[in-house]
Protein backbone atom coordinates (compact mmCIF):
# COMPACT_ATOMS: atom_id res chain seq x y z
CA MET A 1 125.74 87.04 36.55
CA THR A 2 128.09 89.31 38.49
CA GLY A 3 125.46 92.06 38.42
CA LEU A 4 122.91 89.75 40.03
CA TRP A 5 125.48 88.63 42.59
CA LEU A 6 126.37 92.26 43.44
CA VAL A 7 122.68 93.24 43.87
CA SER A 8 121.98 90.26 46.15
CA TYR A 9 125.15 90.97 48.16
CA ILE A 10 124.17 94.63 48.72
CA THR A 11 120.56 93.62 49.48
CA LEU A 12 121.71 91.15 52.14
CA TRP A 13 123.88 93.81 53.82
CA LEU A 14 121.03 96.33 53.76
CA PHE A 15 118.72 93.69 55.24
CA PHE A 16 121.32 92.94 57.94
CA LEU A 17 121.63 96.65 58.81
CA LEU A 18 117.83 96.98 58.95
CA ILE A 19 117.61 94.04 61.36
CA ALA A 20 120.38 95.57 63.51
CA VAL A 21 118.54 98.92 63.71
CA VAL A 22 115.26 97.19 64.62
CA LEU A 23 117.00 95.11 67.29
CA LEU A 24 118.67 98.18 68.83
CA SER A 25 115.33 99.99 68.83
CA ILE A 26 113.63 97.08 70.60
CA LEU A 27 116.39 96.89 73.23
CA ARG A 28 116.17 100.64 73.84
CA ASN A 29 112.40 100.43 74.28
CA LEU A 30 112.73 97.48 76.68
CA GLY A 31 115.22 99.48 78.75
CA THR A 32 112.83 102.42 78.90
CA ILE A 33 109.94 100.16 79.94
CA PHE A 34 112.10 98.53 82.63
CA GLU A 35 113.06 101.95 84.07
CA GLN A 36 109.43 103.07 84.17
CA LEU A 37 108.28 99.86 85.86
CA SER A 38 111.08 100.12 88.42
CA ALA A 39 109.96 103.65 89.29
CA MET A 40 106.36 102.49 89.81
CA LYS A 41 107.04 100.32 92.88
CA PRO A 42 104.08 100.69 95.24
CA LYS A 43 104.64 102.43 98.53
CA ARG A 44 104.24 100.02 101.43
CA SER A 45 103.63 102.71 104.04
CA ASN A 46 103.35 106.46 104.49
CA LEU A 47 106.23 106.37 106.97
CA GLU A 48 109.88 107.17 106.34
CA GLU A 49 112.82 106.07 108.44
CA GLY A 50 113.82 108.96 110.72
CA GLN A 51 110.26 110.30 110.84
CA THR A 52 108.37 110.59 114.14
CA LEU A 53 105.68 107.91 114.32
CA PRO A 54 102.22 109.54 114.24
CA ASP A 55 100.27 108.77 117.40
CA LEU A 56 97.27 106.44 117.19
CA THR A 57 94.71 105.61 119.85
CA LEU A 58 93.74 101.96 119.55
CA GLN A 59 91.61 99.70 121.73
CA ASN A 60 92.85 97.10 124.16
CA ALA A 61 90.93 93.88 124.90
CA ASP A 62 88.73 95.72 127.42
CA GLY A 63 87.73 98.32 124.82
CA ALA A 64 89.69 101.13 126.48
CA GLY A 65 91.67 103.51 124.29
CA VAL A 66 95.45 103.16 124.45
CA SER A 67 97.83 105.56 122.75
CA THR A 68 100.87 104.33 120.86
CA ALA A 69 102.70 107.26 122.47
CA ASP A 70 102.44 105.39 125.79
CA TRP A 71 105.58 103.52 124.71
CA MET A 72 107.62 106.71 124.37
CA GLY A 73 110.83 106.26 126.32
CA THR A 74 111.14 102.59 125.33
CA SER A 75 112.55 101.13 122.14
CA THR A 76 109.50 99.37 120.70
CA ALA A 77 108.67 96.99 117.86
CA PHE A 78 105.05 97.35 116.75
CA ALA A 79 104.11 94.00 115.19
CA ILE A 80 101.13 94.60 112.89
CA VAL A 81 99.25 91.34 112.30
CA SER A 82 95.95 90.10 110.94
CA PRO A 83 94.11 87.02 112.27
CA GLY A 84 93.66 85.47 108.81
CA CYS A 85 97.31 85.85 107.80
CA GLY A 86 99.46 82.68 107.69
CA PRO A 87 102.83 84.44 108.05
CA CYS A 88 101.35 86.41 110.99
CA HIS A 89 100.59 83.10 112.68
CA ASP A 90 104.24 82.05 112.20
CA TYR A 91 105.48 85.42 113.47
CA LEU A 92 103.35 85.20 116.62
CA GLY A 93 104.63 81.65 117.10
CA GLN A 94 108.17 83.04 117.02
CA LEU A 95 107.22 85.65 119.63
CA VAL A 96 105.70 82.91 121.82
CA GLU A 97 109.07 81.17 121.81
CA GLY A 98 110.66 84.38 123.06
CA GLY A 99 112.14 85.21 119.67
CA THR A 100 111.89 88.26 117.49
CA HIS A 101 111.62 89.06 113.82
CA PRO A 102 114.79 87.57 112.24
CA ASP A 103 115.49 90.79 110.34
CA LEU A 104 115.31 93.12 113.35
CA PRO A 105 118.28 95.45 113.53
CA GLY A 106 120.68 94.84 116.41
CA ASN A 107 121.27 91.11 115.85
CA GLY A 108 117.83 90.14 117.09
CA VAL A 109 118.10 92.06 120.37
CA ALA A 110 114.43 92.44 121.08
CA PRO A 111 112.94 95.80 121.80
CA LYS A 112 109.62 95.83 123.64
CA HIS A 113 107.05 94.18 121.37
CA VAL A 114 103.51 95.50 121.02
CA ILE A 115 101.06 93.58 118.84
CA LEU A 116 98.66 95.64 116.73
CA SER A 117 95.88 93.49 115.34
CA LEU A 118 93.95 94.60 112.28
CA GLY A 119 91.22 92.12 113.22
CA ASP A 120 88.59 92.23 115.90
CA VAL A 121 89.05 90.96 119.45
CA THR A 122 87.26 87.63 118.85
CA HIS A 123 89.26 86.61 115.78
CA THR A 124 92.54 87.73 117.34
CA ARG A 125 91.87 85.71 120.50
CA GLU A 126 91.09 82.67 118.33
CA LEU A 127 94.44 83.17 116.61
CA PHE A 128 96.25 83.34 119.95
CA GLN A 129 94.46 80.25 121.27
CA SER A 130 95.52 78.28 118.18
CA LEU A 131 99.18 78.86 119.07
CA ASP A 132 101.10 76.54 121.34
CA GLY A 133 102.20 78.54 124.36
CA ALA A 134 99.54 81.20 123.87
CA VAL A 135 99.91 82.01 127.56
CA GLU A 136 103.30 83.52 126.69
CA LEU A 137 101.56 86.06 124.46
CA GLU A 138 99.69 87.33 127.51
CA ARG A 139 102.88 89.16 128.50
CA LEU A 140 102.74 91.20 125.27
CA PRO A 141 100.40 94.17 124.94
CA VAL A 142 97.81 93.66 122.20
CA LEU A 143 95.95 96.58 120.66
CA TYR A 144 93.07 96.33 118.18
CA ASP A 145 92.67 98.64 115.21
CA VAL A 146 88.89 98.53 114.85
CA ALA A 147 88.72 101.92 113.09
CA GLY A 148 91.37 101.22 110.42
CA GLN A 149 93.79 103.88 111.66
CA VAL A 150 96.91 101.83 110.93
CA MET A 151 96.00 101.87 107.25
CA ASP A 152 94.65 105.43 107.15
CA VAL A 153 97.35 107.22 109.16
CA TRP A 154 100.41 104.99 108.81
CA GLY A 155 99.48 103.73 105.32
CA ILE A 156 100.13 100.09 106.20
CA SER A 157 97.81 97.46 104.77
CA ALA A 158 100.09 94.43 104.33
CA THR A 159 100.64 92.06 107.21
CA PRO A 160 102.79 91.14 108.96
CA THR A 161 104.64 94.42 109.20
CA THR A 162 106.98 95.39 112.01
CA LEU A 163 107.77 99.02 112.82
CA VAL A 164 110.76 99.55 115.07
CA VAL A 165 110.85 102.90 116.86
CA ASP A 166 113.37 104.31 119.29
CA GLU A 167 112.71 105.98 122.65
CA ARG A 168 111.62 109.21 120.93
CA MET A 169 109.12 107.34 118.69
CA THR A 170 111.34 107.88 115.64
CA VAL A 171 110.91 105.18 112.99
CA MET A 172 114.18 103.26 112.89
CA SER A 173 113.16 100.36 110.66
CA GLN A 174 110.20 98.93 108.75
CA LEU A 175 110.08 95.20 108.12
CA PHE A 176 107.49 93.87 105.67
CA GLY A 177 106.62 90.18 105.75
CA PHE A 178 108.05 87.42 107.89
CA HIS A 179 110.19 84.36 107.36
CA THR A 180 111.88 82.04 109.78
CA LYS A 181 115.67 82.06 109.76
CA GLY A 182 117.10 80.09 106.90
CA LYS A 183 113.91 80.31 104.83
CA ALA A 184 113.05 83.05 102.40
């Protein structure tokens, strides 16, 4: 009987060691997978902080071309919005109230805001008219990206996105998405 007991005792320890090796192997593989997935985060834009913002010529409401370089010499926040975007509607509502993006650097001290719409003039005007105090938005320049340059040159396709540039058109900050203060 002691021979049978000894064999079962050794077998149980071998089985325990096998399970431990398998578990360590699984944990190692999960760590490797996690590292690879972390490295695969999609790029939200082609721009880097500290880089000079490439110039775009977009249309105003009259159809005339306006260069983004026209704001050189002024700290500017380019608010990139889309008419069908719910958070964009909230962001524009915040701008109507005289506010800014809650995550803007400088404790919310507002640089000059310029709205870049990825939609056409008609849909963007409908968006503005749906806002209370839409008259307040009249004080903000609105440019329309009818040729898709914001996506092609700046690499930005998600809205709302806010690009903050300094007086030399150097990208200081990129803010993706929008939330009101206190909400995430």
